[in-house]
């Protein structure tokens, strides 16, 4: 059964500007993205687009949870298959409160935009 749906679209240039800012870029990256996400994006030719897609996914999950949580408590992981959502800490507790057992994630990006669509099921 569907518990919630979230969607978000991000302009890649906004994420690029945040990451490239000499005063705050590193702090932004470390506050929003997990070490695993940072490592994944660093390996990608389209790293900024990958960061933007992950940011959109986190925003979409927040919309499902209906509550702000620490950005790093929502992690986009990538194994052999499609990207997936892994929750930690307060985000995991909130999902449990809502009866969420699984998240289904779809992300896509171009040089200009990144979009994420999340469906939470019980």
Protein backbone atom coordinates (compact mmCIF):
# COMPACT_ATOMS: atom_id res chain seq x y z
CA UNK A 1 0.00 0.00 0.00
CA UNK A 2 1.27 3.51 -0.79
CA UNK A 3 1.94 5.59 2.31
CA UNK A 4 3.26 8.68 0.56
CA UNK A 5 4.65 10.17 -2.62
CA UNK A 6 7.28 12.90 -2.96
CA UNK A 7 8.77 14.63 -5.98
CA UNK A 8 11.35 17.37 -6.30
CA UNK A 9 13.21 19.12 -9.11
CA UNK A 10 16.49 20.99 -8.66
CA UNK A 11 18.39 23.37 -10.90
CA UNK A 12 21.89 21.91 -11.27
CA UNK A 13 23.42 25.40 -11.38
CA UNK A 14 22.17 26.10 -7.84
CA UNK A 15 23.88 22.99 -6.49
CA UNK A 16 27.04 23.82 -8.48
CA UNK A 17 27.06 27.34 -7.01
CA UNK A 18 26.61 25.99 -3.48
CA UNK A 19 29.41 23.42 -3.90
CA UNK A 20 31.79 25.81 -5.64
CA UNK A 21 31.42 28.62 -3.09
CA UNK A 22 34.94 29.10 -1.65
CA UNK A 23 33.66 30.08 1.80
CA UNK A 24 30.80 27.60 2.29
CA UNK A 25 30.99 24.92 -0.42
CA UNK A 26 32.79 22.26 1.61
CA UNK A 27 30.55 22.89 4.63
CA UNK A 28 27.42 22.61 2.42
CA UNK A 29 28.65 19.33 0.94
CA UNK A 30 29.51 17.83 4.33
CA UNK A 31 26.25 19.02 5.95
CA UNK A 32 23.97 17.64 3.22
CA UNK A 33 25.70 14.55 1.80
CA UNK A 34 27.00 11.38 3.44
CA UNK A 35 30.58 10.19 2.91
CA UNK A 36 29.23 7.44 0.62
CA UNK A 37 27.32 9.95 -1.51
CA UNK A 38 30.35 12.24 -1.71
CA UNK A 39 32.57 9.34 -2.82
CA UNK A 40 30.04 8.26 -5.45
CA UNK A 41 29.64 11.76 -6.89
CA UNK A 42 33.43 12.34 -6.90
CA UNK A 43 33.86 9.29 -9.18
CA UNK A 44 31.27 10.48 -11.68
CA UNK A 45 32.03 12.53 -14.78
CA UNK A 46 28.70 14.25 -14.09
CA UNK A 47 29.40 14.72 -10.37
CA UNK A 48 27.47 17.97 -9.91
CA UNK A 49 24.43 16.48 -11.64
CA UNK A 50 24.68 13.44 -9.34
CA UNK A 51 24.82 15.73 -6.30
CA UNK A 52 21.75 17.56 -7.60
CA UNK A 53 19.87 14.29 -8.13
CA UNK A 54 20.67 13.21 -4.58
CA UNK A 55 19.57 16.58 -3.22
CA UNK A 56 16.26 16.23 -5.08
CA UNK A 57 15.83 12.70 -3.70
CA UNK A 58 16.40 13.91 -0.15
CA UNK A 59 13.83 16.69 -0.64
CA UNK A 60 11.33 14.17 -2.05
CA UNK A 61 11.81 11.91 1.00
CA UNK A 62 11.31 14.86 3.36
CA UNK A 63 7.99 15.52 1.62
CA UNK A 64 6.94 11.92 2.30
CA UNK A 65 8.08 12.07 5.93
CA UNK A 66 6.28 15.40 6.45
CA UNK A 67 9.02 16.52 8.79
CA UNK A 68 12.49 18.02 8.47
CA UNK A 69 15.33 15.72 9.45
CA UNK A 70 19.11 15.94 9.24
CA UNK A 71 20.04 15.77 5.54
CA UNK A 72 22.58 13.00 6.17
CA UNK A 73 19.91 10.80 7.73
CA UNK A 74 18.58 10.33 4.19
CA UNK A 75 21.13 8.56 2.02
CA UNK A 76 20.92 7.66 -1.65
CA UNK A 77 22.86 4.44 -2.12
CA UNK A 78 23.85 2.76 -5.33
CA UNK A 79 24.68 -0.91 -5.62
CA UNK A 80 24.45 -3.09 -8.70
CA UNK A 81 20.88 -1.98 -9.38
CA UNK A 82 19.01 1.30 -9.37
CA UNK A 83 19.57 3.93 -6.67
CA UNK A 84 17.82 3.31 -3.38
CA UNK A 85 17.00 5.19 -0.18
CA UNK A 86 18.62 4.24 3.12
CA UNK A 87 17.42 6.04 6.26
CA UNK A 88 19.31 6.61 9.49
CA UNK A 89 18.53 8.05 12.92
CA UNK A 90 15.50 10.34 13.17
CA UNK A 91 14.52 9.80 9.53
CA UNK A 92 14.36 6.03 10.10
CA UNK A 93 12.29 6.53 13.26
CA UNK A 94 9.87 8.86 11.45
CA UNK A 95 9.45 6.35 8.62
CA UNK A 96 8.70 3.63 11.19
CA UNK A 97 6.09 5.89 12.84
CA UNK A 98 4.39 6.24 9.45
CA UNK A 99 4.53 2.50 8.82
CA UNK A 100 6.89 2.87 5.87
CA UNK A 101 8.71 -0.33 5.03
CA UNK A 102 10.16 0.53 1.65
CA UNK A 103 11.00 3.49 -0.57
CA UNK A 104 10.94 3.29 -4.36
CA UNK A 105 13.17 5.93 -5.98
CA UNK A 106 13.54 7.18 -9.51
CA UNK A 107 16.04 9.93 -10.37
CA UNK A 108 16.96 11.59 -13.62
CA UNK A 109 19.10 14.54 -14.59
CA UNK A 110 20.29 16.67 -17.45
CA UNK A 111 22.97 19.34 -17.41
CA UNK A 112 20.29 21.82 -16.24
CA UNK A 113 17.90 19.91 -13.96
CA UNK A 114 17.70 16.92 -11.65
CA UNK A 115 14.43 15.31 -10.59
CA UNK A 116 13.56 12.64 -8.06
CA UNK A 117 10.33 10.76 -7.52
CA UNK A 118 9.81 8.73 -4.34
CA UNK A 119 7.01 6.33 -3.44
CA UNK A 120 6.86 5.04 0.14
CA UNK A 121 5.03 1.77 0.79
CA UNK A 122 4.10 -0.34 3.80
